[in-house]
Amino acid sequence: LAAAGLGGGWLPVTFGQDKPKGRDIITRRLPDGHDLPAIGMG
């Protein structure tokens, strides 16, 4: 799904495999290969 653009398409661009310019943040790789910022919010 991710390779076809169906899975990754649900995520905004900030969750893509390339970090946005100017936002050097710590991310972790999700099971589908995309990145997620390592601090969330409860």
PDB file of all heavy atoms in Angstrom:
ATOM      1  N   LEU A   1       0.828  -1.206   0.000  1.00  0.00           N
ATOM      2  CA  LEU A   1       0.000   0.000   0.000  1.00  0.00           C
ATOM      3  C   LEU A   1       0.860   1.252   0.000  1.00  0.00           C
ATOM      4  O   LEU A   1       0.598   2.215  -0.728  1.00  0.00           O
ATOM      5  CB  LEU A   1      -0.923   0.007   1.228  1.00  0.00           C
ATOM      6  CG  LEU A   1      -2.150  -0.901   1.184  1.00  0.00           C
ATOM      7  CD1 LEU A   1      -2.852  -0.873   2.524  1.00  0.00           C
ATOM      8  CD2 LEU A   1      -3.096  -0.488   0.079  1.00  0.00           C
ATOM      9  N   ALA A   2       1.905   1.226   0.836  1.00  0.00           N
ATOM     10  CA  ALA A   2       2.785   2.391   0.912  1.00  0.00           C
ATOM     11  C   ALA A   2       3.473   2.631  -0.423  1.00  0.00           C
ATOM     12  O   ALA A   2       3.588   3.767  -0.897  1.00  0.00           O
ATOM     13  CB  ALA A   2       3.821   2.191   2.012  1.00  0.00           C
ATOM     14  N   ALA A   3       3.940   1.547  -1.042  1.00  0.00           N
ATOM     15  CA  ALA A   3       4.641   1.689  -2.326  1.00  0.00           C
ATOM     16  C   ALA A   3       3.711   2.216  -3.409  1.00  0.00           C
ATOM     17  O   ALA A   3       4.119   2.958  -4.308  1.00  0.00           O
ATOM     18  CB  ALA A   3       5.218   0.338  -2.749  1.00  0.00           C
ATOM     19  N   ALA A   4       2.451   1.837  -3.316  1.00  0.00           N
ATOM     20  CA  ALA A   4       1.483   2.283  -4.325  1.00  0.00           C
ATOM     21  C   ALA A   4       0.951   3.680  -4.065  1.00  0.00           C
ATOM     22  O   ALA A   4       0.188   4.224  -4.844  1.00  0.00           O
ATOM     23  CB  ALA A   4       0.306   1.293  -4.373  1.00  0.00           C
ATOM     24  N   GLY A   5       1.329   4.237  -2.899  1.00  0.00           N
ATOM     25  CA  GLY A   5       0.854   5.571  -2.549  1.00  0.00           C
ATOM     26  C   GLY A   5      -0.485   5.551  -1.859  1.00  0.00           C
ATOM     27  O   GLY A   5      -1.061   6.588  -1.590  1.00  0.00           O
ATOM     28  N   LEU A   6      -1.019   4.369  -1.541  1.00  0.00           N
ATOM     29  CA  LEU A   6      -2.328   4.291  -0.891  1.00  0.00           C
ATOM     30  C   LEU A   6      -2.192   4.410   0.609  1.00  0.00           C
ATOM     31  O   LEU A   6      -2.986   5.072   1.261  1.00  0.00           O
ATOM     32  CB  LEU A   6      -3.016   2.965  -1.252  1.00  0.00           C
ATOM     33  CG  LEU A   6      -3.314   2.784  -2.738  1.00  0.00           C
ATOM     34  CD1 LEU A   6      -3.870   1.380  -2.990  1.00  0.00           C
ATOM     35  CD2 LEU A   6      -4.287   3.834  -3.232  1.00  0.00           C
ATOM     36  N   GLY A   7      -1.207   3.731   1.190  1.00  0.00           N
ATOM     37  CA  GLY A   7      -1.008   3.829   2.630  1.00  0.00           C
ATOM     38  C   GLY A   7      -0.429   5.173   3.005  1.00  0.00           C
ATOM     39  O   GLY A   7      -0.958   5.902   3.813  1.00  0.00           O
ATOM     40  N   GLY A   8       0.719   5.527   2.381  1.00  0.00           N
ATOM     41  CA  GLY A   8       1.382   6.776   2.717  1.00  0.00           C
ATOM     42  C   GLY A   8       0.544   7.987   2.403  1.00  0.00           C
ATOM     43  O   GLY A   8       0.727   9.041   2.981  1.00  0.00           O
ATOM     44  N   GLY A   9      -0.413   7.851   1.470  1.00  0.00           N
ATOM     45  CA  GLY A   9      -1.224   8.989   1.092  1.00  0.00           C
ATOM     46  C   GLY A   9      -2.133   9.475   2.198  1.00  0.00           C
ATOM     47  O   GLY A   9      -2.619  10.584   2.149  1.00  0.00           O
ATOM     48  N   TRP A  10      -2.363   8.661   3.194  1.00  0.00           N
ATOM     49  CA  TRP A  10      -3.213   9.102   4.293  1.00  0.00           C
ATOM     50  C   TRP A  10      -2.483  10.052   5.216  1.00  0.00           C
ATOM     51  O   TRP A  10      -3.074  10.771   5.972  1.00  0.00           O
ATOM     52  CB  TRP A  10      -3.664   7.903   5.123  1.00  0.00           C
ATOM     53  CG  TRP A  10      -4.518   6.953   4.385  1.00  0.00           C
ATOM     54  CD1 TRP A  10      -4.982   7.068   3.104  1.00  0.00           C
ATOM     55  CD2 TRP A  10      -5.005   5.716   4.856  1.00  0.00           C
ATOM     56  NE1 TRP A  10      -5.722   5.974   2.762  1.00  0.00           N
ATOM     57  CE2 TRP A  10      -5.756   5.120   3.834  1.00  0.00           C
ATOM     58  CE3 TRP A  10      -4.880   5.034   6.057  1.00  0.00           C
ATOM     59  CZ2 TRP A  10      -6.383   3.886   3.972  1.00  0.00           C
ATOM     60  CZ3 TRP A  10      -5.496   3.804   6.206  1.00  0.00           C
ATOM     61  CH2 TRP A  10      -6.253   3.249   5.166  1.00  0.00           C
ATOM     62  N   LEU A  11      -1.162  10.005   5.189  1.00  0.00           N
ATOM     63  CA  LEU A  11      -0.385  10.821   6.103  1.00  0.00           C
ATOM     64  C   LEU A  11      -0.065  12.163   5.465  1.00  0.00           C
ATOM     65  O   LEU A  11       0.247  12.230   4.283  1.00  0.00           O
ATOM     66  CB  LEU A  11       0.940  10.128   6.446  1.00  0.00           C
ATOM     67  CG  LEU A  11       0.825   8.906   7.358  1.00  0.00           C
ATOM     68  CD1 LEU A  11       2.164   8.189   7.393  1.00  0.00           C
ATOM     69  CD2 LEU A  11       0.424   9.317   8.755  1.00  0.00           C
ATOM     70  N   PRO A  12      -0.097  13.253   6.248  1.00  0.00           N
ATOM     71  CA  PRO A  12       0.369  14.524   5.719  1.00  0.00           C
ATOM     72  C   PRO A  12       1.846  14.428   5.336  1.00  0.00           C
ATOM     73  O   PRO A  12       2.548  13.520   5.749  1.00  0.00           O
ATOM     74  CB  PRO A  12       0.167  15.491   6.901  1.00  0.00           C
ATOM     75  CG  PRO A  12      -0.855  14.826   7.765  1.00  0.00           C
ATOM     76  CD  PRO A  12      -0.625  13.353   7.599  1.00  0.00           C
ATOM     77  N   VAL A  13       2.329  15.417   4.593  1.00  0.00           N
ATOM     78  CA  VAL A  13       3.696  15.353   4.092  1.00  0.00           C
ATOM     79  C   VAL A  13       4.717  15.264   5.219  1.00  0.00           C
ATOM     80  O   VAL A  13       5.801  14.738   5.018  1.00  0.00           O
ATOM     81  CB  VAL A  13       4.014  16.577   3.206  1.00  0.00           C
ATOM     82  CG1 VAL A  13       3.203  16.527   1.937  1.00  0.00           C
ATOM     83  CG2 VAL A  13       3.740  17.882   3.945  1.00  0.00           C
ATOM     84  N   THR A  14       4.406  15.774   6.395  1.00  0.00           N
ATOM     85  CA  THR A  14       5.367  15.737   7.481  1.00  0.00           C
ATOM     86  C   THR A  14       5.656  14.323   7.940  1.00  0.00           C
ATOM     87  O   THR A  14       6.594  14.097   8.684  1.00  0.00           O
ATOM     88  CB  THR A  14       4.858  16.538   8.691  1.00  0.00           C
ATOM     89  OG1 THR A  14       3.469  16.273   8.880  1.00  0.00           O
ATOM     90  CG2 THR A  14       5.059  18.009   8.476  1.00  0.00           C
ATOM     91  N   PHE A  15       4.864  13.352   7.536  1.00  0.00           N
ATOM     92  CA  PHE A  15       5.095  11.978   7.934  1.00  0.00           C
ATOM     93  C   PHE A  15       5.752  11.167   6.828  1.00  0.00           C
ATOM     94  O   PHE A  15       5.812   9.968   6.891  1.00  0.00           O
ATOM     95  CB  PHE A  15       3.782  11.291   8.330  1.00  0.00           C
ATOM     96  CG  PHE A  15       3.053  12.014   9.407  1.00  0.00           C
ATOM     97  CD1 PHE A  15       1.695  12.212   9.314  1.00  0.00           C
ATOM     98  CD2 PHE A  15       3.719  12.515  10.497  1.00  0.00           C
ATOM     99  CE1 PHE A  15       1.012  12.882  10.309  1.00  0.00           C
ATOM    100  CE2 PHE A  15       3.051  13.194  11.490  1.00  0.00           C
ATOM    101  CZ  PHE A  15       1.692  13.371  11.392  1.00  0.00           C
ATOM    102  N   GLY A  16       6.214  11.830   5.770  1.00  0.00           N
ATOM    103  CA  GLY A  16       6.868  11.118   4.689  1.00  0.00           C
ATOM    104  C   GLY A  16       8.258  10.650   5.101  1.00  0.00           C
ATOM    105  O   GLY A  16       8.745  10.935   6.186  1.00  0.00           O
ATOM    106  N   GLN A  17       8.918   9.947   4.210  1.00  0.00           N
ATOM    107  CA  GLN A  17      10.222   9.404   4.529  1.00  0.00           C
ATOM    108  C   GLN A  17      11.303  10.482   4.532  1.00  0.00           C
ATOM    109  O   GLN A  17      12.374  10.268   5.077  1.00  0.00           O
ATOM    110  CB  GLN A  17      10.568   8.295   3.530  1.00  0.00           C
ATOM    111  CG  GLN A  17       9.623   7.101   3.655  1.00  0.00           C
ATOM    112  CD  GLN A  17       9.951   6.016   2.667  1.00  0.00           C
ATOM    113  OE1 GLN A  17      10.846   6.156   1.859  1.00  0.00           O
ATOM    114  NE2 GLN A  17       9.213   4.926   2.725  1.00  0.00           N
ATOM    115  N   ASP A  18      11.048  11.633   3.937  1.00  0.00           N
ATOM    116  CA  ASP A  18      11.992  12.740   3.967  1.00  0.00           C
ATOM    117  C   ASP A  18      11.510  13.768   4.979  1.00  0.00           C
ATOM    118  O   ASP A  18      10.361  14.201   4.945  1.00  0.00           O
ATOM    119  CB  ASP A  18      12.106  13.405   2.597  1.00  0.00           C
ATOM    120  CG  ASP A  18      12.667  12.446   1.552  1.00  0.00           C
ATOM    121  OD1 ASP A  18      13.544  11.660   1.918  1.00  0.00           O
ATOM    122  OD2 ASP A  18      12.209  12.493   0.397  1.00  0.00           O
ATOM    123  N   LYS A  19      12.408  14.192   5.868  1.00  0.00           N
ATOM    124  CA  LYS A  19      12.040  15.200   6.854  1.00  0.00           C
ATOM    125  C   LYS A  19      11.844  16.553   6.176  1.00  0.00           C
ATOM    126  O   LYS A  19      12.586  16.909   5.264  1.00  0.00           O
ATOM    127  CB  LYS A  19      13.134  15.324   7.914  1.00  0.00           C
ATOM    128  CG  LYS A  19      13.303  14.088   8.784  1.00  0.00           C
ATOM    129  CD  LYS A  19      14.404  14.296   9.788  1.00  0.00           C
ATOM    130  CE  LYS A  19      14.641  13.041  10.613  1.00  0.00           C
ATOM    131  NZ  LYS A  19      15.741  13.207  11.571  1.00  0.00           N
ATOM    132  N   PRO A  20      10.851  17.339   6.613  1.00  0.00           N
ATOM    133  CA  PRO A  20      10.649  18.659   6.027  1.00  0.00           C
ATOM    134  C   PRO A  20      11.878  19.532   6.257  1.00  0.00           C
ATOM    135  O   PRO A  20      12.540  19.438   7.278  1.00  0.00           O
ATOM    136  CB  PRO A  20       9.432  19.204   6.800  1.00  0.00           C
ATOM    137  CG  PRO A  20       8.791  18.007   7.419  1.00  0.00           C
ATOM    138  CD  PRO A  20       9.884  17.021   7.645  1.00  0.00           C
ATOM    139  N   LYS A  21      12.168  20.409   5.308  1.00  0.00           N
ATOM    140  CA  LYS A  21      13.311  21.301   5.445  1.00  0.00           C
ATOM    141  C   LYS A  21      13.114  22.209   6.645  1.00  0.00           C
ATOM    142  O   LYS A  21      12.034  22.727   6.893  1.00  0.00           O
ATOM    143  CB  LYS A  21      13.480  22.137   4.174  1.00  0.00           C
ATOM    144  CG  LYS A  21      13.898  21.307   2.964  1.00  0.00           C
ATOM    145  CD  LYS A  21      14.064  22.175   1.741  1.00  0.00           C
ATOM    146  CE  LYS A  21      14.488  21.334   0.538  1.00  0.00           C
ATOM    147  NZ  LYS A  21      14.627  22.162  -0.683  1.00  0.00           N
ATOM    148  N   GLY A  22      14.190  22.417   7.395  1.00  0.00           N
ATOM    149  CA  GLY A  22      14.131  23.307   8.542  1.00  0.00           C
ATOM    150  C   GLY A  22      13.511  22.681   9.768  1.00  0.00           C
ATOM    151  O   GLY A  22      13.320  23.351  10.767  1.00  0.00           O
ATOM    152  N   ARG A  23      13.168  21.405   9.721  1.00  0.00           N
ATOM    153  CA  ARG A  23      12.551  20.763  10.891  1.00  0.00           C
ATOM    154  C   ARG A  23      13.336  19.498  11.219  1.00  0.00           C
ATOM    155  O   ARG A  23      12.895  18.395  10.956  1.00  0.00           O
ATOM    156  CB  ARG A  23      11.084  20.451  10.605  1.00  0.00           C
ATOM    157  CG  ARG A  23      10.257  21.679  10.295  1.00  0.00           C
ATOM    158  CD  ARG A  23       8.800  21.317  10.095  1.00  0.00           C
ATOM    159  NE  ARG A  23       8.170  20.935  11.332  1.00  0.00           N
ATOM    160  CZ  ARG A  23       6.934  20.443  11.409  1.00  0.00           C
ATOM    161  NH1 ARG A  23       6.230  20.275  10.328  1.00  0.00           N
ATOM    162  NH2 ARG A  23       6.412  20.109  12.569  1.00  0.00           N
ATOM    163  N   ASP A  24      14.514  19.702  11.755  1.00  0.00           N
ATOM    164  CA  ASP A  24      15.402  18.591  12.066  1.00  0.00           C
ATOM    165  C   ASP A  24      14.959  17.975  13.384  1.00  0.00           C
ATOM    166  O   ASP A  24      15.486  18.296  14.458  1.00  0.00           O
ATOM    167  CB  ASP A  24      16.849  19.082  12.133  1.00  0.00           C
ATOM    168  CG  ASP A  24      17.822  17.934  12.298  1.00  0.00           C
ATOM    169  OD1 ASP A  24      17.423  16.784  12.035  1.00  0.00           O
ATOM    170  OD2 ASP A  24      18.968  18.181  12.712  1.00  0.00           O
ATOM    171  N   ILE A  25      13.972  17.118  13.317  1.00  0.00           N
ATOM    172  CA  ILE A  25      13.396  16.531  14.523  1.00  0.00           C
ATOM    173  C   ILE A  25      13.676  15.033  14.572  1.00  0.00           C
ATOM    174  O   ILE A  25      13.985  14.411  13.566  1.00  0.00           O
ATOM    175  CB  ILE A  25      11.875  16.795  14.603  1.00  0.00           C
ATOM    176  CG1 ILE A  25      11.166  16.164  13.410  1.00  0.00           C
ATOM    177  CG2 ILE A  25      11.599  18.290  14.691  1.00  0.00           C
ATOM    178  CD1 ILE A  25       9.660  16.313  13.460  1.00  0.00           C
ATOM    179  N   ILE A  26      13.575  14.484  15.771  1.00  0.00           N
ATOM    180  CA  ILE A  26      13.795  13.057  15.965  1.00  0.00           C
ATOM    181  C   ILE A  26      12.540  12.310  15.552  1.00  0.00           C
ATOM    182  O   ILE A  26      11.442  12.586  16.046  1.00  0.00           O
ATOM    183  CB  ILE A  26      14.135  12.768  17.442  1.00  0.00           C
ATOM    184  CG1 ILE A  26      15.426  13.485  17.835  1.00  0.00           C
ATOM    185  CG2 ILE A  26      14.267  11.262  17.681  1.00  0.00           C
ATOM    186  CD1 ILE A  26      15.686  13.498  19.329  1.00  0.00           C
ATOM    187  N   THR A  27      12.690  11.383  14.638  1.00  0.00           N
ATOM    188  CA  THR A  27      11.563  10.579  14.175  1.00  0.00           C
ATOM    189  C   THR A  27      11.877   9.104  14.338  1.00  0.00           C
ATOM    190  O   THR A  27      13.031   8.709  14.508  1.00  0.00           O
ATOM    191  CB  THR A  27      11.247  10.864  12.694  1.00  0.00           C
ATOM    192  OG1 THR A  27      12.381  10.523  11.893  1.00  0.00           O
ATOM    193  CG2 THR A  27      10.886  12.328  12.481  1.00  0.00           C
ATOM    194  N   ARG A  28      10.831   8.306  14.264  1.00  0.00           N
ATOM    195  CA  ARG A  28      10.975   6.858  14.296  1.00  0.00           C
ATOM    196  C   ARG A  28      10.193   6.259  13.141  1.00  0.00           C
ATOM    197  O   ARG A  28       9.149   6.780  12.738  1.00  0.00           O
ATOM    198  CB  ARG A  28      10.449   6.296  15.638  1.00  0.00           C
ATOM    199  CG  ARG A  28      11.336   6.658  16.821  1.00  0.00           C
ATOM    200  CD  ARG A  28      12.662   5.924  16.750  1.00  0.00           C
ATOM    201  NE  ARG A  28      13.578   6.310  17.818  1.00  0.00           N
ATOM    202  CZ  ARG A  28      14.549   7.180  17.700  1.00  0.00           C
ATOM    203  NH1 ARG A  28      14.711   7.816  16.550  1.00  0.00           N
ATOM    204  NH2 ARG A  28      15.352   7.439  18.703  1.00  0.00           N
ATOM    205  N   ARG A  29      10.686   5.162  12.613  1.00  0.00           N
ATOM    206  CA  ARG A  29      10.092   4.534  11.446  1.00  0.00           C
ATOM    207  C   ARG A  29       8.877   3.694  11.835  1.00  0.00           C
ATOM    208  O   ARG A  29       8.936   2.879  12.767  1.00  0.00           O
ATOM    209  CB  ARG A  29      11.137   3.656  10.744  1.00  0.00           C
ATOM    210  CG  ARG A  29      10.758   3.123   9.375  1.00  0.00           C
ATOM    211  CD  ARG A  29      10.400   4.182   8.373  1.00  0.00           C
ATOM    212  NE  ARG A  29      11.347   5.260   8.214  1.00  0.00           N
ATOM    213  CZ  ARG A  29      12.305   5.285   7.291  1.00  0.00           C
ATOM    214  NH1 ARG A  29      12.458   4.275   6.459  1.00  0.00           N
ATOM    215  NH2 ARG A  29      13.093   6.338   7.184  1.00  0.00           N
ATOM    216  N   LEU A  30       7.780   3.881  11.121  1.00  0.00           N
ATOM    217  CA  LEU A  30       6.563   3.116  11.338  1.00  0.00           C
ATOM    218  C   LEU A  30       6.623   1.792  10.579  1.00  0.00           C
ATOM    219  O   LEU A  30       7.453   1.610   9.688  1.00  0.00           O
ATOM    220  CB  LEU A  30       5.357   3.931  10.878  1.00  0.00           C
ATOM    221  CG  LEU A  30       5.058   5.188  11.701  1.00  0.00           C
ATOM    222  CD1 LEU A  30       3.942   5.980  11.048  1.00  0.00           C
ATOM    223  CD2 LEU A  30       4.700   4.832  13.135  1.00  0.00           C
ATOM    224  N   PRO A  31       5.735   0.851  10.882  1.00  0.00           N
ATOM    225  CA  PRO A  31       5.764  -0.447  10.194  1.00  0.00           C
ATOM    226  C   PRO A  31       5.611  -0.365   8.681  1.00  0.00           C
ATOM    227  O   PRO A  31       6.047  -1.272   7.973  1.00  0.00           O
ATOM    228  CB  PRO A  31       4.583  -1.199  10.831  1.00  0.00           C
ATOM    229  CG  PRO A  31       4.461  -0.623  12.194  1.00  0.00           C
ATOM    230  CD  PRO A  31       4.792   0.837  12.026  1.00  0.00           C
ATOM    231  N   ASP A  32       5.000   0.707   8.171  1.00  0.00           N
ATOM    232  CA  ASP A  32       4.834   0.819   6.711  1.00  0.00           C
ATOM    233  C   ASP A  32       5.962   1.602   6.054  1.00  0.00           C
ATOM    234  O   ASP A  32       5.905   1.888   4.867  1.00  0.00           O
ATOM    235  CB  ASP A  32       3.483   1.436   6.358  1.00  0.00           C
ATOM    236  CG  ASP A  32       3.379   2.902   6.741  1.00  0.00           C
ATOM    237  OD1 ASP A  32       4.302   3.411   7.423  1.00  0.00           O
ATOM    238  OD2 ASP A  32       2.391   3.553   6.361  1.00  0.00           O
ATOM    239  N   GLY A  33       6.984   1.969   6.824  1.00  0.00           N
ATOM    240  CA  GLY A  33       8.146   2.628   6.253  1.00  0.00           C
ATOM    241  C   GLY A  33       8.156   4.133   6.350  1.00  0.00           C
ATOM    242  O   GLY A  33       9.149   4.762   5.983  1.00  0.00           O
ATOM    243  N   HIS A  34       7.084   4.749   6.842  1.00  0.00           N
ATOM    244  CA  HIS A  34       7.052   6.190   7.012  1.00  0.00           C
ATOM    245  C   HIS A  34       7.582   6.573   8.394  1.00  0.00           C
ATOM    246  O   HIS A  34       7.692   5.740   9.282  1.00  0.00           O
ATOM    247  CB  HIS A  34       5.633   6.720   6.810  1.00  0.00           C
ATOM    248  CG  HIS A  34       5.212   6.722   5.379  1.00  0.00           C
ATOM    249  ND1 HIS A  34       4.726   5.599   4.764  1.00  0.00           N
ATOM    250  CD2 HIS A  34       5.232   7.695   4.435  1.00  0.00           C
ATOM    251  CE1 HIS A  34       4.449   5.881   3.498  1.00  0.00           C
ATOM    252  NE2 HIS A  34       4.754   7.145   3.275  1.00  0.00           N
ATOM    253  N   ASP A  35       7.891   7.853   8.547  1.00  0.00           N
ATOM    254  CA  ASP A  35       8.454   8.357   9.799  1.00  0.00           C
ATOM    255  C   ASP A  35       7.385   9.041  10.646  1.00  0.00           C
ATOM    256  O   ASP A  35       6.436   9.626  10.107  1.00  0.00           O
ATOM    257  CB  ASP A  35       9.584   9.353   9.525  1.00  0.00           C
ATOM    258  CG  ASP A  35      10.828   8.682   8.974  1.00  0.00           C
ATOM    259  OD1 ASP A  35      10.965   7.460   9.162  1.00  0.00           O
ATOM    260  OD2 ASP A  35      11.651   9.372   8.341  1.00  0.00           O
ATOM    261  N   LEU A  36       7.581   9.020  11.957  1.00  0.00           N
ATOM    262  CA  LEU A  36       6.686   9.683  12.899  1.00  0.00           C
ATOM    263  C   LEU A  36       7.524  10.418  13.927  1.00  0.00           C
ATOM    264  O   LEU A  36       8.482   9.847  14.461  1.00  0.00           O
ATOM    265  CB  LEU A  36       5.800   8.648  13.602  1.00  0.00           C
ATOM    266  CG  LEU A  36       4.762   9.192  14.584  1.00  0.00           C
ATOM    267  CD1 LEU A  36       3.604   9.837  13.823  1.00  0.00           C
ATOM    268  CD2 LEU A  36       4.244   8.088  15.496  1.00  0.00           C
ATOM    269  N   PRO A  37       7.211  11.684  14.241  1.00  0.00           N
ATOM    270  CA  PRO A  37       7.927  12.378  15.316  1.00  0.00           C
ATOM    271  C   PRO A  37       7.836  11.587  16.624  1.00  0.00           C
ATOM    272  O   PRO A  37       6.778  11.060  16.973  1.00  0.00           O
ATOM    273  CB  PRO A  37       7.190  13.716  15.416  1.00  0.00           C
ATOM    274  CG  PRO A  37       6.644  13.938  14.040  1.00  0.00           C
ATOM    275  CD  PRO A  37       6.252  12.572  13.554  1.00  0.00           C
ATOM    276  N   ALA A  38       8.949  11.522  17.343  1.00  0.00           N
ATOM    277  CA  ALA A  38       9.065  10.606  18.475  1.00  0.00           C
ATOM    278  C   ALA A  38       8.406  11.108  19.755  1.00  0.00           C
ATOM    279  O   ALA A  38       8.306  10.360  20.733  1.00  0.00           O
ATOM    280  CB  ALA A  38      10.545  10.309  18.749  1.00  0.00           C
ATOM    281  N   ILE A  39       7.950  12.343  19.780  1.00  0.00           N
ATOM    282  CA  ILE A  39       7.183  12.857  20.923  1.00  0.00           C
ATOM    283  C   ILE A  39       5.767  13.154  20.450  1.00  0.00           C
ATOM    284  O   ILE A  39       5.557  13.921  19.505  1.00  0.00           O
ATOM    285  CB  ILE A  39       7.812  14.119  21.527  1.00  0.00           C
ATOM    286  CG1 ILE A  39       9.230  13.844  22.004  1.00  0.00           C
ATOM    287  CG2 ILE A  39       6.954  14.634  22.691  1.00  0.00           C
ATOM    288  CD1 ILE A  39       9.346  12.786  23.086  1.00  0.00           C
ATOM    289  N   GLY A  40       4.808  12.509  21.096  1.00  0.00           N
ATOM    290  CA  GLY A  40       3.401  12.745  20.815  1.00  0.00           C
ATOM    291  C   GLY A  40       2.744  13.462  21.976  1.00  0.00           C
ATOM    292  O   GLY A  40       3.414  14.028  22.853  1.00  0.00           O
ATOM    293  N   MET A  41       1.421  13.402  22.006  1.00  0.00           N
ATOM    294  CA  MET A  41       0.664  14.109  23.040  1.00  0.00           C
ATOM    295  C   MET A  41      -0.481  13.245  23.530  1.00  0.00           C
ATOM    296  O   MET A  41      -1.287  12.756  22.740  1.00  0.00           O
ATOM    297  CB  MET A  41       0.110  15.426  22.478  1.00  0.00           C
ATOM    298  CG  MET A  41      -0.562  16.310  23.516  1.00  0.00           C
ATOM    299  SD  MET A  41      -1.320  17.790  22.784  1.00  0.00           S
ATOM    300  CE  MET A  41      -2.954  17.166  22.412  1.00  0.00           C
ATOM    301  N   GLY A  42      -0.562  13.059  24.831  1.00  0.00           N
ATOM    302  CA  GLY A  42      -1.704  12.388  25.428  1.00  0.00           C
ATOM    303  C   GLY A  42      -2.769  13.393  25.818  1.00  0.00           C
ATOM    304  O   GLY A  42      -2.503  14.594  25.935  1.00  0.00           O
TER     305      GLY A  42
END
